[in-house]
Amino acid sequence: MKLTTASKITVARVLLIPVVLVLMYWDFPGHMYAALGVFIVASLSDFVDGYIARHYNQVSNFGKFMDPLADKLLVISVMLVYVDWHLMPAWVAIIVVARELAVTGLRLVAVEGGKVIAAAWSGKIKTASTMVGFCLMMLPVPTAVITACWLVVLLTTVYSGIEYFIKNAEVFH
C-alpha cells in the first residue's frame, strides 16, 4: 500500500504522540514548552492532512480510519497525563472517552445503514477547544485557568455528543 501525502502526515501525528508524552514527563528546563511545541505541530497536522486529502483528492480508506484514530490517541494520551498530574478529574476523562466511543459507535451503525455522518460544527468546536485548552494547560497558568480549560473541554464534549445523537437519531430506527 502506497501512502498518500495526507496519510503520511496522519502517521507522523501518531508518531509524535510518544514524543509529546516523553517531553511532558521528562523533567528538564523547558520540557513543557518543548512538549507544547510538538503538541501544537501534531494538532495542526490534523487540519493540514484533512485539507490535503480533500484538496488533492487523497481521501483514502486508510485516512478515513487512521485520521480520527490519531486525533483520539493524541487527545486521550495527553488527557491521561493531566489526570495523572491531578490537573483534570478522572471523571472528566471518562466522559470525554465515553463520548468518543459513543460517536464512533453511532457512525458505525450509520455506515451499516448506508449513511455517513459528517463531522458537525459542534464537533469541530469541541476539537479546537480541546486542543487550545490542552495547550494552555501545558503552560504555567493559574489553577483557575486549568479548571476553566477542562470545563470548556467537558462542556463542548457533552454538547457535541448530544447533538450528534439528536441529529442522527433515525440511525437507530
N, C-alpha and C. Protein backbone atom coordinates (compact mmCIF):
# COMPACT_ATOMS: atom_id res chain seq x y z
N MET A 1 0.85 -1.18 0.00
CA MET A 1 0.00 0.00 0.00
C MET A 1 0.89 1.25 0.00
N LYS A 2 0.63 2.12 -0.93
CA LYS A 2 1.37 3.37 -1.02
C LYS A 2 0.58 4.45 -0.27
N LEU A 3 1.24 5.11 0.66
CA LEU A 3 0.57 6.15 1.44
C LEU A 3 0.56 7.47 0.67
N THR A 4 -0.56 8.16 0.77
CA THR A 4 -0.67 9.50 0.19
C THR A 4 0.05 10.48 1.11
N THR A 5 0.25 11.68 0.63
CA THR A 5 0.86 12.73 1.47
C THR A 5 0.01 12.95 2.72
N ALA A 6 -1.31 13.00 2.54
CA ALA A 6 -2.20 13.22 3.69
C ALA A 6 -2.04 12.10 4.71
N SER A 7 -1.98 10.86 4.24
CA SER A 7 -1.83 9.72 5.15
C SER A 7 -0.48 9.72 5.85
N LYS A 8 0.55 10.16 5.15
CA LYS A 8 1.89 10.25 5.77
C LYS A 8 1.87 11.27 6.92
N ILE A 9 1.15 12.36 6.73
CA ILE A 9 1.03 13.36 7.79
C ILE A 9 0.28 12.78 8.99
N THR A 10 -0.76 12.00 8.70
CA THR A 10 -1.51 11.35 9.78
C THR A 10 -0.60 10.39 10.55
N VAL A 11 0.19 9.60 9.85
CA VAL A 11 1.11 8.67 10.50
C VAL A 11 2.13 9.45 11.34
N ALA A 12 2.61 10.55 10.81
CA ALA A 12 3.56 11.39 11.57
C ALA A 12 2.91 11.88 12.86
N ARG A 13 1.60 12.23 12.81
CA ARG A 13 0.91 12.67 14.02
C ARG A 13 0.90 11.57 15.06
N VAL A 14 0.65 10.35 14.65
CA VAL A 14 0.67 9.22 15.58
C VAL A 14 2.06 9.06 16.18
N LEU A 15 3.08 9.20 15.37
CA LEU A 15 4.46 9.05 15.85
C LEU A 15 4.87 10.19 16.79
N LEU A 16 4.20 11.33 16.69
CA LEU A 16 4.51 12.45 17.58
C LEU A 16 3.91 12.27 18.98
N ILE A 17 2.93 11.39 19.12
CA ILE A 17 2.28 11.20 20.42
C ILE A 17 3.27 10.76 21.49
N PRO A 18 4.06 9.70 21.26
CA PRO A 18 5.03 9.35 22.31
C PRO A 18 6.06 10.45 22.56
N VAL A 19 6.37 11.23 21.55
CA VAL A 19 7.32 12.34 21.73
C VAL A 19 6.72 13.36 22.70
N VAL A 20 5.45 13.70 22.49
CA VAL A 20 4.78 14.64 23.41
C VAL A 20 4.79 14.09 24.83
N LEU A 21 4.45 12.82 24.97
CA LEU A 21 4.38 12.21 26.31
C LEU A 21 5.75 12.17 26.99
N VAL A 22 6.78 11.78 26.24
CA VAL A 22 8.13 11.75 26.83
C VAL A 22 8.53 13.15 27.26
N LEU A 23 8.27 14.14 26.43
CA LEU A 23 8.64 15.52 26.79
C LEU A 23 7.85 16.02 27.99
N MET A 24 6.59 15.60 28.12
CA MET A 24 5.80 16.03 29.28
C MET A 24 6.38 15.45 30.57
N TYR A 25 6.79 14.20 30.52
CA TYR A 25 7.28 13.53 31.73
C TYR A 25 8.77 13.73 32.00
N TRP A 26 9.55 14.00 30.97
CA TRP A 26 10.98 14.15 31.13
C TRP A 26 11.27 15.52 31.70
N ASP A 27 11.71 15.54 32.94
CA ASP A 27 11.85 16.80 33.67
C ASP A 27 13.20 17.46 33.38
N PHE A 28 13.18 18.40 32.46
CA PHE A 28 14.36 19.23 32.19
C PHE A 28 13.86 20.65 31.97
N PRO A 29 14.72 21.65 32.12
CA PRO A 29 14.25 23.03 31.95
C PRO A 29 13.61 23.24 30.57
N GLY A 30 12.38 23.71 30.60
CA GLY A 30 11.66 23.99 29.36
C GLY A 30 10.98 22.79 28.73
N HIS A 31 10.93 21.66 29.46
CA HIS A 31 10.36 20.45 28.87
C HIS A 31 8.90 20.63 28.46
N MET A 32 8.14 21.41 29.24
CA MET A 32 6.73 21.60 28.89
C MET A 32 6.58 22.49 27.66
N TYR A 33 7.48 23.43 27.46
CA TYR A 33 7.43 24.24 26.24
C TYR A 33 7.76 23.38 25.02
N ALA A 34 8.71 22.46 25.19
CA ALA A 34 9.04 21.54 24.10
C ALA A 34 7.84 20.63 23.80
N ALA A 35 7.21 20.11 24.86
CA ALA A 35 6.02 19.27 24.69
C ALA A 35 4.90 20.07 24.02
N LEU A 36 4.74 21.31 24.43
CA LEU A 36 3.72 22.19 23.84
C LEU A 36 3.97 22.37 22.34
N GLY A 37 5.22 22.62 21.98
CA GLY A 37 5.56 22.81 20.57
C GLY A 37 5.22 21.58 19.73
N VAL A 38 5.58 20.41 20.24
CA VAL A 38 5.29 19.18 19.50
C VAL A 38 3.78 18.93 19.46
N PHE A 39 3.09 19.21 20.56
CA PHE A 39 1.64 19.04 20.61
C PHE A 39 0.96 19.96 19.60
N ILE A 40 1.43 21.19 19.50
CA ILE A 40 0.86 22.13 18.52
C ILE A 40 1.07 21.62 17.10
N VAL A 41 2.26 21.15 16.81
CA VAL A 41 2.54 20.60 15.47
C VAL A 41 1.61 19.42 15.19
N ALA A 42 1.47 18.52 16.16
CA ALA A 42 0.60 17.36 15.98
C ALA A 42 -0.85 17.79 15.79
N SER A 43 -1.30 18.75 16.58
CA SER A 43 -2.68 19.24 16.48
C SER A 43 -2.94 19.90 15.13
N LEU A 44 -2.02 20.74 14.70
CA LEU A 44 -2.20 21.43 13.42
C LEU A 44 -2.12 20.47 12.24
N SER A 45 -1.38 19.39 12.40
CA SER A 45 -1.27 18.42 11.31
C SER A 45 -2.62 17.80 10.99
N ASP A 46 -3.53 17.78 11.95
CA ASP A 46 -4.88 17.27 11.70
C ASP A 46 -5.58 18.11 10.64
N PHE A 47 -5.45 19.41 10.74
CA PHE A 47 -6.07 20.30 9.76
C PHE A 47 -5.36 20.20 8.41
N VAL A 48 -4.04 20.08 8.47
CA VAL A 48 -3.24 20.02 7.24
C VAL A 48 -3.56 18.75 6.45
N ASP A 49 -3.57 17.59 7.13
CA ASP A 49 -3.82 16.36 6.38
C ASP A 49 -5.23 16.32 5.82
N GLY A 50 -6.19 16.86 6.57
CA GLY A 50 -7.56 16.92 6.06
C GLY A 50 -7.68 17.81 4.84
N TYR A 51 -7.02 18.95 4.89
CA TYR A 51 -7.04 19.87 3.75
C TYR A 51 -6.41 19.21 2.52
N ILE A 52 -5.25 18.62 2.72
CA ILE A 52 -4.55 17.98 1.60
C ILE A 52 -5.39 16.84 1.02
N ALA A 53 -5.98 16.04 1.91
CA ALA A 53 -6.78 14.91 1.43
C ALA A 53 -7.95 15.38 0.57
N ARG A 54 -8.63 16.42 1.01
CA ARG A 54 -9.79 16.92 0.26
C ARG A 54 -9.35 17.70 -0.99
N HIS A 55 -8.39 18.59 -0.83
CA HIS A 55 -7.99 19.48 -1.92
C HIS A 55 -7.29 18.74 -3.07
N TYR A 56 -6.52 17.72 -2.73
CA TYR A 56 -5.75 17.00 -3.74
C TYR A 56 -6.32 15.60 -4.01
N ASN A 57 -7.56 15.40 -3.60
CA ASN A 57 -8.27 14.13 -3.85
C ASN A 57 -7.45 12.94 -3.34
N GLN A 58 -7.00 13.05 -2.09
CA GLN A 58 -6.21 11.98 -1.48
C GLN A 58 -6.99 11.27 -0.37
N VAL A 59 -8.31 11.38 -0.42
CA VAL A 59 -9.13 10.69 0.58
C VAL A 59 -8.98 9.19 0.34
N SER A 60 -8.67 8.47 1.41
CA SER A 60 -8.47 7.02 1.30
C SER A 60 -9.13 6.33 2.48
N ASN A 61 -9.34 5.02 2.34
CA ASN A 61 -9.90 4.26 3.46
C ASN A 61 -8.93 4.26 4.64
N PHE A 62 -7.63 4.19 4.34
CA PHE A 62 -6.63 4.27 5.41
C PHE A 62 -6.77 5.59 6.17
N GLY A 63 -6.87 6.69 5.44
CA GLY A 63 -7.01 8.00 6.05
C GLY A 63 -8.31 8.14 6.84
N LYS A 64 -9.40 7.60 6.29
CA LYS A 64 -10.69 7.65 6.99
C LYS A 64 -10.63 6.92 8.32
N PHE A 65 -9.83 5.85 8.36
CA PHE A 65 -9.67 5.08 9.59
C PHE A 65 -8.65 5.73 10.52
N MET A 66 -7.49 6.06 9.97
CA MET A 66 -6.36 6.48 10.80
C MET A 66 -6.47 7.91 11.32
N ASP A 67 -7.03 8.83 10.52
CA ASP A 67 -7.10 10.23 10.95
C ASP A 67 -7.89 10.40 12.25
N PRO A 68 -9.13 9.90 12.35
CA PRO A 68 -9.83 10.07 13.62
C PRO A 68 -9.18 9.30 14.77
N LEU A 69 -8.56 8.15 14.44
CA LEU A 69 -7.87 7.39 15.48
C LEU A 69 -6.68 8.18 16.02
N ALA A 70 -5.92 8.79 15.12
CA ALA A 70 -4.77 9.61 15.53
C ALA A 70 -5.22 10.75 16.43
N ASP A 71 -6.32 11.41 16.06
CA ASP A 71 -6.83 12.51 16.88
C ASP A 71 -7.20 12.04 18.28
N LYS A 72 -7.91 10.93 18.34
CA LYS A 72 -8.35 10.39 19.63
C LYS A 72 -7.16 9.96 20.49
N LEU A 73 -6.18 9.31 19.86
CA LEU A 73 -5.00 8.89 20.61
C LEU A 73 -4.23 10.07 21.17
N LEU A 74 -4.10 11.13 20.38
CA LEU A 74 -3.39 12.33 20.85
C LEU A 74 -4.11 12.94 22.05
N VAL A 75 -5.40 13.16 21.90
CA VAL A 75 -6.18 13.80 22.96
C VAL A 75 -6.22 12.94 24.22
N ILE A 76 -6.52 11.66 24.05
CA ILE A 76 -6.64 10.79 25.22
C ILE A 76 -5.30 10.63 25.93
N SER A 77 -4.22 10.52 25.18
CA SER A 77 -2.89 10.38 25.80
C SER A 77 -2.55 11.58 26.67
N VAL A 78 -2.70 12.77 26.13
CA VAL A 78 -2.38 13.99 26.89
C VAL A 78 -3.35 14.15 28.06
N MET A 79 -4.61 13.85 27.82
CA MET A 79 -5.61 13.97 28.88
C MET A 79 -5.28 13.04 30.05
N LEU A 80 -4.81 11.84 29.76
CA LEU A 80 -4.46 10.92 30.84
C LEU A 80 -3.25 11.41 31.64
N VAL A 81 -2.35 12.11 30.99
CA VAL A 81 -1.25 12.73 31.74
C VAL A 81 -1.82 13.77 32.70
N TYR A 82 -2.76 14.58 32.22
CA TYR A 82 -3.38 15.59 33.08
C TYR A 82 -4.10 14.94 34.26
N VAL A 83 -4.74 13.82 34.03
CA VAL A 83 -5.39 13.09 35.13
C VAL A 83 -4.32 12.61 36.10
N ASP A 84 -3.25 12.04 35.57
CA ASP A 84 -2.15 11.55 36.41
C ASP A 84 -1.57 12.67 37.27
N TRP A 85 -1.49 13.86 36.69
CA TRP A 85 -0.93 15.01 37.40
C TRP A 85 -1.98 15.76 38.23
N HIS A 86 -3.18 15.25 38.30
CA HIS A 86 -4.28 15.86 39.06
C HIS A 86 -4.64 17.25 38.56
N LEU A 87 -4.45 17.46 37.25
CA LEU A 87 -4.86 18.73 36.64
C LEU A 87 -6.27 18.63 36.06
N MET A 88 -6.75 17.40 35.91
CA MET A 88 -8.09 17.16 35.38
C MET A 88 -8.68 15.97 36.14
N PRO A 89 -9.94 16.10 36.56
CA PRO A 89 -10.55 14.96 37.26
C PRO A 89 -10.72 13.76 36.33
N ALA A 90 -10.56 12.57 36.87
CA ALA A 90 -10.71 11.35 36.08
C ALA A 90 -12.11 11.24 35.48
N TRP A 91 -13.13 11.71 36.20
CA TRP A 91 -14.49 11.59 35.68
C TRP A 91 -14.68 12.40 34.40
N VAL A 92 -13.93 13.50 34.26
CA VAL A 92 -14.00 14.29 33.03
C VAL A 92 -13.40 13.47 31.88
N ALA A 93 -12.26 12.84 32.14
CA ALA A 93 -11.63 12.00 31.11
C ALA A 93 -12.56 10.86 30.71
N ILE A 94 -13.24 10.28 31.67
CA ILE A 94 -14.17 9.18 31.38
C ILE A 94 -15.29 9.66 30.46
N ILE A 95 -15.82 10.84 30.74
CA ILE A 95 -16.89 11.39 29.90
C ILE A 95 -16.38 11.67 28.49
N VAL A 96 -15.18 12.22 28.38
CA VAL A 96 -14.61 12.52 27.06
C VAL A 96 -14.41 11.22 26.27
N VAL A 97 -13.83 10.21 26.91
CA VAL A 97 -13.61 8.93 26.23
C VAL A 97 -14.94 8.28 25.87
N ALA A 98 -15.91 8.33 26.79
CA ALA A 98 -17.22 7.74 26.53
C ALA A 98 -17.89 8.40 25.33
N ARG A 99 -17.78 9.71 25.23
CA ARG A 99 -18.36 10.44 24.08
C ARG A 99 -17.70 9.99 22.78
N GLU A 100 -16.37 9.88 22.80
CA GLU A 100 -15.66 9.46 21.60
C GLU A 100 -16.09 8.06 21.17
N LEU A 101 -16.19 7.16 22.12
CA LEU A 101 -16.62 5.79 21.80
C LEU A 101 -18.06 5.77 21.31
N ALA A 102 -18.93 6.56 21.94
CA ALA A 102 -20.34 6.59 21.56
C ALA A 102 -20.53 7.14 20.15
N VAL A 103 -19.84 8.23 19.83
CA VAL A 103 -19.98 8.82 18.50
C VAL A 103 -19.38 7.89 17.45
N THR A 104 -18.27 7.24 17.77
CA THR A 104 -17.69 6.26 16.84
C THR A 104 -18.68 5.12 16.61
N GLY A 105 -19.30 4.64 17.67
CA GLY A 105 -20.32 3.59 17.54
C GLY A 105 -21.50 4.05 16.70
N LEU A 106 -21.94 5.29 16.92
CA LEU A 106 -23.03 5.86 16.13
C LEU A 106 -22.66 5.87 14.65
N ARG A 107 -21.46 6.26 14.35
CA ARG A 107 -21.01 6.30 12.95
C ARG A 107 -20.96 4.90 12.34
N LEU A 108 -20.55 3.91 13.13
CA LEU A 108 -20.52 2.54 12.63
C LEU A 108 -21.92 2.02 12.32
N VAL A 109 -22.86 2.30 13.21
CA VAL A 109 -24.25 1.90 12.98
C VAL A 109 -24.79 2.60 11.74
N ALA A 110 -24.47 3.88 11.60
CA ALA A 110 -24.94 4.64 10.44
C ALA A 110 -24.39 4.06 9.15
N VAL A 111 -23.11 3.72 9.12
CA VAL A 111 -22.49 3.16 7.92
C VAL A 111 -23.17 1.84 7.54
N GLU A 112 -23.50 1.03 8.54
CA GLU A 112 -24.21 -0.23 8.26
C GLU A 112 -25.54 0.04 7.58
N GLY A 113 -26.16 1.18 7.90
CA GLY A 113 -27.42 1.55 7.28
C GLY A 113 -27.25 2.38 6.02
N GLY A 114 -26.02 2.51 5.54
CA GLY A 114 -25.76 3.24 4.31
C GLY A 114 -25.68 4.74 4.46
N LYS A 115 -25.52 5.22 5.69
CA LYS A 115 -25.45 6.66 5.92
C LYS A 115 -24.07 7.03 6.46
N VAL A 116 -23.56 8.15 6.01
CA VAL A 116 -22.29 8.67 6.53
C VAL A 116 -22.60 9.89 7.38
N ILE A 117 -22.08 9.90 8.60
CA ILE A 117 -22.28 11.05 9.49
C ILE A 117 -21.06 11.94 9.39
N ALA A 118 -21.26 13.09 8.79
CA ALA A 118 -20.15 14.04 8.65
C ALA A 118 -19.88 14.72 9.99
N ALA A 119 -18.67 15.25 10.11
CA ALA A 119 -18.32 15.98 11.32
C ALA A 119 -19.20 17.23 11.43
N ALA A 120 -19.80 17.41 12.59
CA ALA A 120 -20.65 18.57 12.84
C ALA A 120 -19.79 19.74 13.31
N TRP A 121 -20.33 20.94 13.18
CA TRP A 121 -19.61 22.12 13.65
C TRP A 121 -19.31 22.03 15.13
N SER A 122 -20.27 21.49 15.90
CA SER A 122 -20.03 21.37 17.35
C SER A 122 -18.85 20.44 17.62
N GLY A 123 -18.68 19.42 16.78
CA GLY A 123 -17.53 18.52 16.93
C GLY A 123 -16.23 19.22 16.61
N LYS A 124 -16.27 20.08 15.59
CA LYS A 124 -15.07 20.85 15.23
C LYS A 124 -14.73 21.85 16.33
N ILE A 125 -15.75 22.47 16.90
CA ILE A 125 -15.53 23.40 18.02
C ILE A 125 -14.98 22.65 19.22
N LYS A 126 -15.52 21.45 19.47
CA LYS A 126 -15.03 20.63 20.57
C LYS A 126 -13.55 20.31 20.37
N THR A 127 -13.19 19.93 19.16
CA THR A 127 -11.80 19.59 18.86
C THR A 127 -10.89 20.81 19.05
N ALA A 128 -11.29 21.93 18.49
CA ALA A 128 -10.47 23.15 18.62
C ALA A 128 -10.36 23.58 20.09
N SER A 129 -11.47 23.54 20.81
CA SER A 129 -11.46 23.91 22.24
C SER A 129 -10.55 22.99 23.04
N THR A 130 -10.60 21.71 22.72
CA THR A 130 -9.76 20.74 23.42
C THR A 130 -8.28 21.02 23.15
N MET A 131 -7.95 21.25 21.90
CA MET A 131 -6.54 21.50 21.56
C MET A 131 -6.03 22.78 22.21
N VAL A 132 -6.83 23.83 22.16
CA VAL A 132 -6.41 25.10 22.79
C VAL A 132 -6.32 24.93 24.30
N GLY A 133 -7.32 24.29 24.89
CA GLY A 133 -7.32 24.06 26.34
C GLY A 133 -6.12 23.25 26.78
N PHE A 134 -5.82 22.19 26.05
CA PHE A 134 -4.68 21.36 26.41
C PHE A 134 -3.37 22.12 26.25
N CYS A 135 -3.29 23.00 25.27
CA CYS A 135 -2.09 23.84 25.11
C CYS A 135 -1.93 24.75 26.32
N LEU A 136 -3.01 25.40 26.72
CA LEU A 136 -2.95 26.29 27.88
C LEU A 136 -2.55 25.54 29.14
N MET A 137 -3.02 24.30 29.26
CA MET A 137 -2.72 23.51 30.46
C MET A 137 -1.25 23.11 30.52
N MET A 138 -0.53 23.21 29.40
CA MET A 138 0.91 22.92 29.40
C MET A 138 1.73 24.11 29.85
N LEU A 139 1.09 25.26 29.96
CA LEU A 139 1.78 26.48 30.35
C LEU A 139 1.66 26.71 31.86
N PRO A 140 2.56 27.51 32.42
CA PRO A 140 2.46 27.81 33.86
C PRO A 140 1.36 28.85 34.10
N VAL A 141 0.13 28.36 34.16
CA VAL A 141 -1.02 29.23 34.34
C VAL A 141 -1.67 28.94 35.70
N PRO A 142 -2.46 29.89 36.20
CA PRO A 142 -3.13 29.66 37.49
C PRO A 142 -4.10 28.48 37.44
N THR A 143 -4.36 27.90 38.59
CA THR A 143 -5.27 26.77 38.71
C THR A 143 -6.64 27.09 38.12
N ALA A 144 -7.09 28.33 38.29
CA ALA A 144 -8.41 28.70 37.75
C ALA A 144 -8.45 28.57 36.23
N VAL A 145 -7.35 28.86 35.57
CA VAL A 145 -7.28 28.72 34.10
C VAL A 145 -7.33 27.25 33.72
N ILE A 146 -6.62 26.43 34.45
CA ILE A 146 -6.63 24.98 34.19
C ILE A 146 -8.04 24.43 34.36
N THR A 147 -8.70 24.84 35.44
CA THR A 147 -10.08 24.40 35.69
C THR A 147 -10.99 24.88 34.57
N ALA A 148 -10.84 26.12 34.14
CA ALA A 148 -11.65 26.64 33.03
C ALA A 148 -11.41 25.83 31.76
N CYS A 149 -10.18 25.44 31.53
CA CYS A 149 -9.84 24.67 30.32
C CYS A 149 -10.57 23.33 30.31
N TRP A 150 -10.46 22.57 31.41
CA TRP A 150 -11.12 21.26 31.38
C TRP A 150 -12.63 21.39 31.44
N LEU A 151 -13.14 22.48 32.02
CA LEU A 151 -14.60 22.70 31.99
C LEU A 151 -15.08 22.96 30.56
N VAL A 152 -14.33 23.76 29.81
CA VAL A 152 -14.69 24.01 28.40
C VAL A 152 -14.61 22.71 27.60
N VAL A 153 -13.56 21.93 27.82
CA VAL A 153 -13.45 20.63 27.15
C VAL A 153 -14.67 19.77 27.49
N LEU A 154 -15.02 19.70 28.76
CA LEU A 154 -16.17 18.91 29.19
C LEU A 154 -17.46 19.38 28.55
N LEU A 155 -17.72 20.68 28.61
CA LEU A 155 -18.98 21.22 28.09
C LEU A 155 -19.10 21.06 26.58
N THR A 156 -18.03 21.34 25.85
CA THR A 156 -18.10 21.19 24.39
C THR A 156 -18.20 19.71 24.00
N THR A 157 -17.58 18.85 24.77
CA THR A 157 -17.66 17.41 24.52
C THR A 157 -19.08 16.89 24.72
N VAL A 158 -19.68 17.26 25.84
CA VAL A 158 -21.05 16.80 26.13
C VAL A 158 -22.02 17.38 25.11
N TYR A 159 -21.91 18.67 24.84
CA TYR A 159 -22.83 19.30 23.88
C TYR A 159 -22.74 18.64 22.51
N SER A 160 -21.51 18.47 22.01
CA SER A 160 -21.37 17.90 20.67
C SER A 160 -21.84 16.45 20.63
N GLY A 161 -21.60 15.71 21.69
CA GLY A 161 -22.06 14.32 21.75
C GLY A 161 -23.58 14.24 21.71
N ILE A 162 -24.23 15.08 22.50
CA ILE A 162 -25.70 15.10 22.50
C ILE A 162 -26.22 15.51 21.12
N GLU A 163 -25.59 16.52 20.52
CA GLU A 163 -26.03 16.98 19.20
C GLU A 163 -25.91 15.87 18.16
N TYR A 164 -24.81 15.13 18.17
CA TYR A 164 -24.65 14.03 17.22
C TYR A 164 -25.80 13.04 17.34
N PHE A 165 -26.16 12.69 18.56
CA PHE A 165 -27.21 11.69 18.75
C PHE A 165 -28.59 12.24 18.41
N ILE A 166 -28.86 13.49 18.74
CA ILE A 166 -30.16 14.07 18.40
C ILE A 166 -30.32 14.19 16.89
N LYS A 167 -29.29 14.72 16.22
CA LYS A 167 -29.38 14.92 14.76
C LYS A 167 -29.39 13.62 13.97
N ASN A 168 -28.93 12.55 14.59
CA ASN A 168 -28.84 11.27 13.88
C ASN A 168 -29.63 10.16 14.54
N ALA A 169 -30.66 10.53 15.25
CA ALA A 169 -31.48 9.56 15.98
C ALA A 169 -32.11 8.53 15.04
N GLU A 170 -32.39 8.91 13.80
CA GLU A 170 -33.03 7.99 12.85
C GLU A 170 -32.17 6.78 12.54
N VAL A 171 -30.88 6.84 12.86
CA VAL A 171 -29.98 5.72 12.63
C VAL A 171 -30.45 4.49 13.42
N PHE A 172 -31.10 4.70 14.55
CA PHE A 172 -31.50 3.60 15.42
C PHE A 172 -32.89 3.06 15.11
N HIS A 173 -33.53 3.55 14.07
CA HIS A 173 -34.90 3.08 13.72
C HIS A 173 -34.84 1.94 12.76
